[in-house]
Amino acid sequence: MRLARSITHVSDRSDEAHSLSSESGRYASEGETVIAQTVGDINQIAAAVDQASERIRQLEASSEQIS
């Protein structure tokens, strides 16, 4: 009887470990998606800043020609 209880206990803990492992995998996958989106957003911001910087340089050059 004690052996059966021990086996059941080990089986229950194994099921719990499997469940936690699967949940951790899902969280890791979701985190990867969020990070990829964040990197994409940062790259878009960097491109916008580059474009604005170039436009400012052009305006500065035009301003110097007017003066």
PDB file of N, CA and C in Angstrom:
ATOM      1  N   MET A   1       0.809  -1.187   0.000  1.00  0.00           N
ATOM      2  CA  MET A   1       0.000   0.000   0.000  1.00  0.00           C
ATOM      3  C   MET A   1       0.858   1.259   0.000  1.00  0.00           C
ATOM      4  N   ARG A   2       1.919   1.278   0.820  1.00  0.00           N
ATOM      5  CA  ARG A   2       2.792   2.445   0.858  1.00  0.00           C
ATOM      6  C   ARG A   2       3.478   2.643  -0.484  1.00  0.00           C
ATOM      7  N   LEU A   3       3.856   1.540  -1.127  1.00  0.00           N
ATOM      8  CA  LEU A   3       4.520   1.623  -2.422  1.00  0.00           C
ATOM      9  C   LEU A   3       3.574   2.237  -3.452  1.00  0.00           C
ATOM     10  N   ALA A   4       2.321   1.845  -3.431  1.00  0.00           N
ATOM     11  CA  ALA A   4       1.330   2.382  -4.370  1.00  0.00           C
ATOM     12  C   ALA A   4       1.147   3.882  -4.144  1.00  0.00           C
ATOM     13  N   ARG A   5       1.099   4.289  -2.895  1.00  0.00           N
ATOM     14  CA  ARG A   5       0.968   5.722  -2.586  1.00  0.00           C
ATOM     15  C   ARG A   5       2.193   6.488  -3.061  1.00  0.00           C
ATOM     16  N   SER A   6       3.362   5.908  -2.855  1.00  0.00           N
ATOM     17  CA  SER A   6       4.595   6.563  -3.293  1.00  0.00           C
ATOM     18  C   SER A   6       4.619   6.700  -4.812  1.00  0.00           C
ATOM     19  N   ILE A   7       4.208   5.673  -5.497  1.00  0.00           N
ATOM     20  CA  ILE A   7       4.164   5.715  -6.962  1.00  0.00           C
ATOM     21  C   ILE A   7       3.172   6.769  -7.425  1.00  0.00           C
ATOM     22  N   THR A   8       2.019   6.822  -6.778  1.00  0.00           N
ATOM     23  CA  THR A   8       1.017   7.828  -7.122  1.00  0.00           C
ATOM     24  C   THR A   8       1.556   9.232  -6.868  1.00  0.00           C
ATOM     25  N   HIS A   9       2.236   9.399  -5.750  1.00  0.00           N
ATOM     26  CA  HIS A   9       2.819  10.704  -5.413  1.00  0.00           C
ATOM     27  C   HIS A   9       3.852  11.122  -6.469  1.00  0.00           C
ATOM     28  N   VAL A  10       4.718  10.220  -6.848  1.00  0.00           N
ATOM     29  CA  VAL A  10       5.731  10.517  -7.868  1.00  0.00           C
ATOM     30  C   VAL A  10       5.059  10.844  -9.197  1.00  0.00           C
ATOM     31  N   SER A  11       4.021  10.097  -9.526  1.00  0.00           N
ATOM     32  CA  SER A  11       3.293  10.346 -10.772  1.00  0.00           C
ATOM     33  C   SER A  11       2.638  11.724 -10.755  1.00  0.00           C
ATOM     34  N   ASP A  12       2.030  12.077  -9.644  1.00  0.00           N
ATOM     35  CA  ASP A  12       1.406  13.402  -9.522  1.00  0.00           C
ATOM     36  C   ASP A  12       2.440  14.517  -9.666  1.00  0.00           C
ATOM     37  N   ARG A  13       3.582  14.365  -9.000  1.00  0.00           N
ATOM     38  CA  ARG A  13       4.633  15.378  -9.096  1.00  0.00           C
ATOM     39  C   ARG A  13       5.183  15.452 -10.524  1.00  0.00           C
ATOM     40  N   SER A  14       5.272  14.331 -11.189  1.00  0.00           N
ATOM     41  CA  SER A  14       5.734  14.304 -12.575  1.00  0.00           C
ATOM     42  C   SER A  14       4.760  15.047 -13.483  1.00  0.00           C
ATOM     43  N   ASP A  15       3.472  14.817 -13.288  1.00  0.00           N
ATOM     44  CA  ASP A  15       2.452  15.535 -14.065  1.00  0.00           C
ATOM     45  C   ASP A  15       2.535  17.040 -13.804  1.00  0.00           C
ATOM     46  N   GLU A  16       2.731  17.412 -12.556  1.00  0.00           N
ATOM     47  CA  GLU A  16       2.841  18.821 -12.209  1.00  0.00           C
ATOM     48  C   GLU A  16       4.080  19.447 -12.856  1.00  0.00           C
ATOM     49  N   ALA A  17       5.196  18.731 -12.824  1.00  0.00           N
ATOM     50  CA  ALA A  17       6.426  19.232 -13.439  1.00  0.00           C
ATOM     51  C   ALA A  17       6.236  19.397 -14.944  1.00  0.00           C
ATOM     52  N   HIS A  18       5.562  18.452 -15.566  1.00  0.00           N
ATOM     53  CA  HIS A  18       5.288  18.536 -16.999  1.00  0.00           C
ATOM     54  C   HIS A  18       4.425  19.753 -17.311  1.00  0.00           C
ATOM     55  N   SER A  19       3.411  19.962 -16.508  1.00  0.00           N
ATOM     56  CA  SER A  19       2.523  21.100 -16.704  1.00  0.00           C
ATOM     57  C   SER A  19       3.283  22.421 -16.562  1.00  0.00           C
ATOM     58  N   LEU A  20       4.102  22.517 -15.540  1.00  0.00           N
ATOM     59  CA  LEU A  20       4.887  23.743 -15.322  1.00  0.00           C
ATOM     60  C   LEU A  20       5.891  23.962 -16.455  1.00  0.00           C
ATOM     61  N   SER A  21       6.466  22.889 -16.924  1.00  0.00           N
ATOM     62  CA  SER A  21       7.419  22.983 -18.031  1.00  0.00           C
ATOM     63  C   SER A  21       6.728  23.475 -19.298  1.00  0.00           C
ATOM     64  N   SER A  22       5.548  22.959 -19.576  1.00  0.00           N
ATOM     65  CA  SER A  22       4.788  23.404 -20.748  1.00  0.00           C
ATOM     66  C   SER A  22       4.405  24.867 -20.627  1.00  0.00           C
ATOM     67  N   GLU A  23       3.984  25.272 -19.452  1.00  0.00           N
ATOM     68  CA  GLU A  23       3.614  26.666 -19.214  1.00  0.00           C
ATOM     69  C   GLU A  23       4.826  27.579 -19.396  1.00  0.00           C
ATOM     70  N   SER A  24       5.965  27.166 -18.891  1.00  0.00           N
ATOM     71  CA  SER A  24       7.187  27.950 -19.058  1.00  0.00           C
ATOM     72  C   SER A  24       7.539  28.096 -20.537  1.00  0.00           C
ATOM     73  N   GLY A  25       7.353  27.044 -21.294  1.00  0.00           N
ATOM     74  CA  GLY A  25       7.605  27.098 -22.736  1.00  0.00           C
ATOM     75  C   GLY A  25       6.696  28.092 -23.432  1.00  0.00           C
ATOM     76  N   ARG A  26       5.429  28.122 -23.033  1.00  0.00           N
ATOM     77  CA  ARG A  26       4.488  29.089 -23.621  1.00  0.00           C
ATOM     78  C   ARG A  26       4.899  30.521 -23.282  1.00  0.00           C
ATOM     79  N   TYR A  27       5.278  30.743 -22.022  1.00  0.00           N
ATOM     80  CA  TYR A  27       5.711  32.086 -21.627  1.00  0.00           C
ATOM     81  C   TYR A  27       6.965  32.511 -22.395  1.00  0.00           C
ATOM     82  N   ALA A  28       7.886  31.590 -22.569  1.00  0.00           N
ATOM     83  CA  ALA A  28       9.109  31.900 -23.317  1.00  0.00           C
ATOM     84  C   ALA A  28       8.774  32.263 -24.757  1.00  0.00           C
ATOM     85  N   SER A  29       7.864  31.545 -25.355  1.00  0.00           N
ATOM     86  CA  SER A  29       7.456  31.829 -26.731  1.00  0.00           C
ATOM     87  C   SER A  29       6.782  33.190 -26.836  1.00  0.00           C
ATOM     88  N   GLU A  30       5.918  33.494 -25.895  1.00  0.00           N
ATOM     89  CA  GLU A  30       5.256  34.805 -25.875  1.00  0.00           C
ATOM     90  C   GLU A  30       6.287  35.920 -25.675  1.00  0.00           C
ATOM     91  N   GLY A  31       7.251  35.688 -24.813  1.00  0.00           N
ATOM     92  CA  GLY A  31       8.309  36.672 -24.583  1.00  0.00           C
ATOM     93  C   GLY A  31       9.130  36.907 -25.833  1.00  0.00           C
ATOM     94  N   GLU A  32       9.402  35.851 -26.556  1.00  0.00           N
ATOM     95  CA  GLU A  32      10.156  35.976 -27.807  1.00  0.00           C
ATOM     96  C   GLU A  32       9.394  36.837 -28.809  1.00  0.00           C
ATOM     97  N   THR A  33       8.085  36.640 -28.887  1.00  0.00           N
ATOM     98  CA  THR A  33       7.258  37.436 -29.795  1.00  0.00           C
ATOM     99  C   THR A  33       7.280  38.907 -29.398  1.00  0.00           C
ATOM    100  N   VAL A  34       7.140  39.178 -28.108  1.00  0.00           N
ATOM    101  CA  VAL A  34       7.152  40.567 -27.625  1.00  0.00           C
ATOM    102  C   VAL A  34       8.498  41.218 -27.923  1.00  0.00           C
ATOM    103  N   ILE A  35       9.578  40.508 -27.700  1.00  0.00           N
ATOM    104  CA  ILE A  35      10.909  41.059 -27.962  1.00  0.00           C
ATOM    105  C   ILE A  35      11.082  41.347 -29.449  1.00  0.00           C
ATOM    106  N   ALA A  36      10.635  40.442 -30.302  1.00  0.00           N
ATOM    107  CA  ALA A  36      10.743  40.663 -31.747  1.00  0.00           C
ATOM    108  C   ALA A  36       9.952  41.895 -32.165  1.00  0.00           C
ATOM    109  N   GLN A  37       8.771  42.074 -31.607  1.00  0.00           N
ATOM    110  CA  GLN A  37       7.978  43.263 -31.920  1.00  0.00           C
ATOM    111  C   GLN A  37       8.673  44.529 -31.429  1.00  0.00           C
ATOM    112  N   THR A  38       9.257  44.460 -30.252  1.00  0.00           N
ATOM    113  CA  THR A  38       9.959  45.611 -29.690  1.00  0.00           C
ATOM    114  C   THR A  38      11.156  45.986 -30.562  1.00  0.00           C
ATOM    115  N   VAL A  39      11.905  44.997 -31.003  1.00  0.00           N
ATOM    116  CA  VAL A  39      13.048  45.261 -31.888  1.00  0.00           C
ATOM    117  C   VAL A  39      12.566  45.918 -33.182  1.00  0.00           C
ATOM    118  N   GLY A  40      11.468  45.427 -33.738  1.00  0.00           N
ATOM    119  CA  GLY A  40      10.913  46.035 -34.941  1.00  0.00           C
ATOM    120  C   GLY A  40      10.510  47.477 -34.714  1.00  0.00           C
ATOM    121  N   ASP A  41       9.880  47.739 -33.585  1.00  0.00           N
ATOM    122  CA  ASP A  41       9.472  49.108 -33.249  1.00  0.00           C
ATOM    123  C   ASP A  41      10.688  50.023 -33.088  1.00  0.00           C
ATOM    124  N   ILE A  42      11.723  49.535 -32.417  1.00  0.00           N
ATOM    125  CA  ILE A  42      12.940  50.322 -32.228  1.00  0.00           C
ATOM    126  C   ILE A  42      13.585  50.623 -33.580  1.00  0.00           C
ATOM    127  N   ASN A  43      13.600  49.655 -34.472  1.00  0.00           N
ATOM    128  CA  ASN A  43      14.173  49.888 -35.794  1.00  0.00           C
ATOM    129  C   ASN A  43      13.374  50.934 -36.569  1.00  0.00           C
ATOM    130  N   GLN A  44      12.058  50.919 -36.432  1.00  0.00           N
ATOM    131  CA  GLN A  44      11.225  51.933 -37.090  1.00  0.00           C
ATOM    132  C   GLN A  44      11.507  53.325 -36.516  1.00  0.00           C
ATOM    133  N   ILE A  45      11.649  53.402 -35.212  1.00  0.00           N
ATOM    134  CA  ILE A  45      11.963  54.679 -34.574  1.00  0.00           C
ATOM    135  C   ILE A  45      13.330  55.176 -35.056  1.00  0.00           C
ATOM    136  N   ALA A  46      14.309  54.288 -35.126  1.00  0.00           N
ATOM    137  CA  ALA A  46      15.646  54.672 -35.590  1.00  0.00           C
ATOM    138  C   ALA A  46      15.583  55.197 -37.021  1.00  0.00           C
ATOM    139  N   ALA A  47      14.805  54.552 -37.869  1.00  0.00           N
ATOM    140  CA  ALA A  47      14.667  55.014 -39.254  1.00  0.00           C
ATOM    141  C   ALA A  47      14.014  56.395 -39.298  1.00  0.00           C
ATOM    142  N   ALA A  48      12.999  56.611 -38.487  1.00  0.00           N
ATOM    143  CA  ALA A  48      12.324  57.912 -38.445  1.00  0.00           C
ATOM    144  C   ALA A  48      13.278  58.999 -37.956  1.00  0.00           C
ATOM    145  N   VAL A  49      14.088  58.691 -36.957  1.00  0.00           N
ATOM    146  CA  VAL A  49      15.062  59.655 -36.446  1.00  0.00           C
ATOM    147  C   VAL A  49      16.101  59.975 -37.529  1.00  0.00           C
ATOM    148  N   ASP A  50      16.548  58.960 -38.245  1.00  0.00           N
ATOM    149  CA  ASP A  50      17.502  59.185 -39.335  1.00  0.00           C
ATOM    150  C   ASP A  50      16.908  60.100 -40.403  1.00  0.00           C
ATOM    151  N   GLN A  51      15.652  59.855 -40.752  1.00  0.00           N
ATOM    152  CA  GLN A  51      14.988  60.691 -41.758  1.00  0.00           C
ATOM    153  C   GLN A  51      14.848  62.123 -41.257  1.00  0.00           C
ATOM    154  N   ALA A  52      14.464  62.296 -40.015  1.00  0.00           N
ATOM    155  CA  ALA A  52      14.314  63.638 -39.449  1.00  0.00           C
ATOM    156  C   ALA A  52      15.668  64.345 -39.404  1.00  0.00           C
ATOM    157  N   SER A  53      16.705  63.622 -39.043  1.00  0.00           N
ATOM    158  CA  SER A  53      18.041  64.195 -38.981  1.00  0.00           C
ATOM    159  C   SER A  53      18.489  64.655 -40.367  1.00  0.00           C
ATOM    160  N   GLU A  54      18.227  63.858 -41.372  1.00  0.00           N
ATOM    161  CA  GLU A  54      18.578  64.234 -42.739  1.00  0.00           C
ATOM    162  C   GLU A  54      17.795  65.462 -43.183  1.00  0.00           C
ATOM    163  N   ARG A  55      16.539  65.506 -42.853  1.00  0.00           N
ATOM    164  CA  ARG A  55      15.704  66.667 -43.211  1.00  0.00           C
ATOM    165  C   ARG A  55      16.215  67.933 -42.513  1.00  0.00           C
ATOM    166  N   ILE A  56      16.615  67.820 -41.273  1.00  0.00           N
ATOM    167  CA  ILE A  56      17.164  68.965 -40.535  1.00  0.00           C
ATOM    168  C   ILE A  56      18.446  69.450 -41.202  1.00  0.00           C
ATOM    169  N   ARG A  57      19.308  68.516 -41.625  1.00  0.00           N
ATOM    170  CA  ARG A  57      20.530  68.907 -42.334  1.00  0.00           C
ATOM    171  C   ARG A  57      20.194  69.659 -43.620  1.00  0.00           C
ATOM    172  N   GLN A  58      19.186  69.174 -44.345  1.00  0.00           N
ATOM    173  CA  GLN A  58      18.774  69.839 -45.587  1.00  0.00           C
ATOM    174  C   GLN A  58      18.246  71.246 -45.300  1.00  0.00           C
ATOM    175  N   LEU A  59      17.445  71.368 -44.257  1.00  0.00           N
ATOM    176  CA  LEU A  59      16.914  72.680 -43.888  1.00  0.00           C
ATOM    177  C   LEU A  59      18.027  73.626 -43.455  1.00  0.00           C
ATOM    178  N   GLU A  60      18.989  73.084 -42.743  1.00  0.00           N
ATOM    179  CA  GLU A  60      20.127  73.902 -42.315  1.00  0.00           C
ATOM    180  C   GLU A  60      20.909  74.404 -43.533  1.00  0.00           C
ATOM    181  N   ALA A  61      21.123  73.539 -44.498  1.00  0.00           N
ATOM    182  CA  ALA A  61      21.832  73.950 -45.711  1.00  0.00           C
ATOM    183  C   ALA A  61      21.047  75.000 -46.474  1.00  0.00           C
ATOM    184  N   SER A  62      19.736  74.823 -46.561  1.00  0.00           N
ATOM    185  CA  SER A  62      18.890  75.824 -47.232  1.00  0.00           C
ATOM    186  C   SER A  62      18.923  77.146 -46.495  1.00  0.00           C
ATOM    187  N   SER A  63      18.919  77.102 -45.187  1.00  0.00           N
ATOM    188  CA  SER A  63      18.951  78.295 -44.367  1.00  0.00           C
ATOM    189  C   SER A  63      20.244  79.069 -44.580  1.00  0.00           C
ATOM    190  N   GLU A  64      21.345  78.339 -44.688  1.00  0.00           N
ATOM    191  CA  GLU A  64      22.651  78.985 -44.904  1.00  0.00           C
ATOM    192  C   GLU A  64      22.700  79.649 -46.271  1.00  0.00           C
ATOM    193  N   GLN A  65      22.032  79.065 -47.260  1.00  0.00           N
ATOM    194  CA  GLN A  65      22.013  79.662 -48.600  1.00  0.00           C
ATOM    195  C   GLN A  65      21.196  80.954 -48.608  1.00  0.00           C
ATOM    196  N   ILE A  66      20.155  80.990 -47.801  1.00  0.00           N
ATOM    197  CA  ILE A  66      19.291  82.184 -47.734  1.00  0.00           C
ATOM    198  C   ILE A  66      20.030  83.327 -47.048  1.00  0.00           C
ATOM    199  N   SER A  67      20.814  83.007 -46.038  1.00  0.00           N
ATOM    200  CA  SER A  67      21.487  84.048 -45.235  1.00  0.00           C
ATOM    201  C   SER A  67      22.601  84.706 -45.953  1.00  0.00           C
TER     202      SER A  67
END
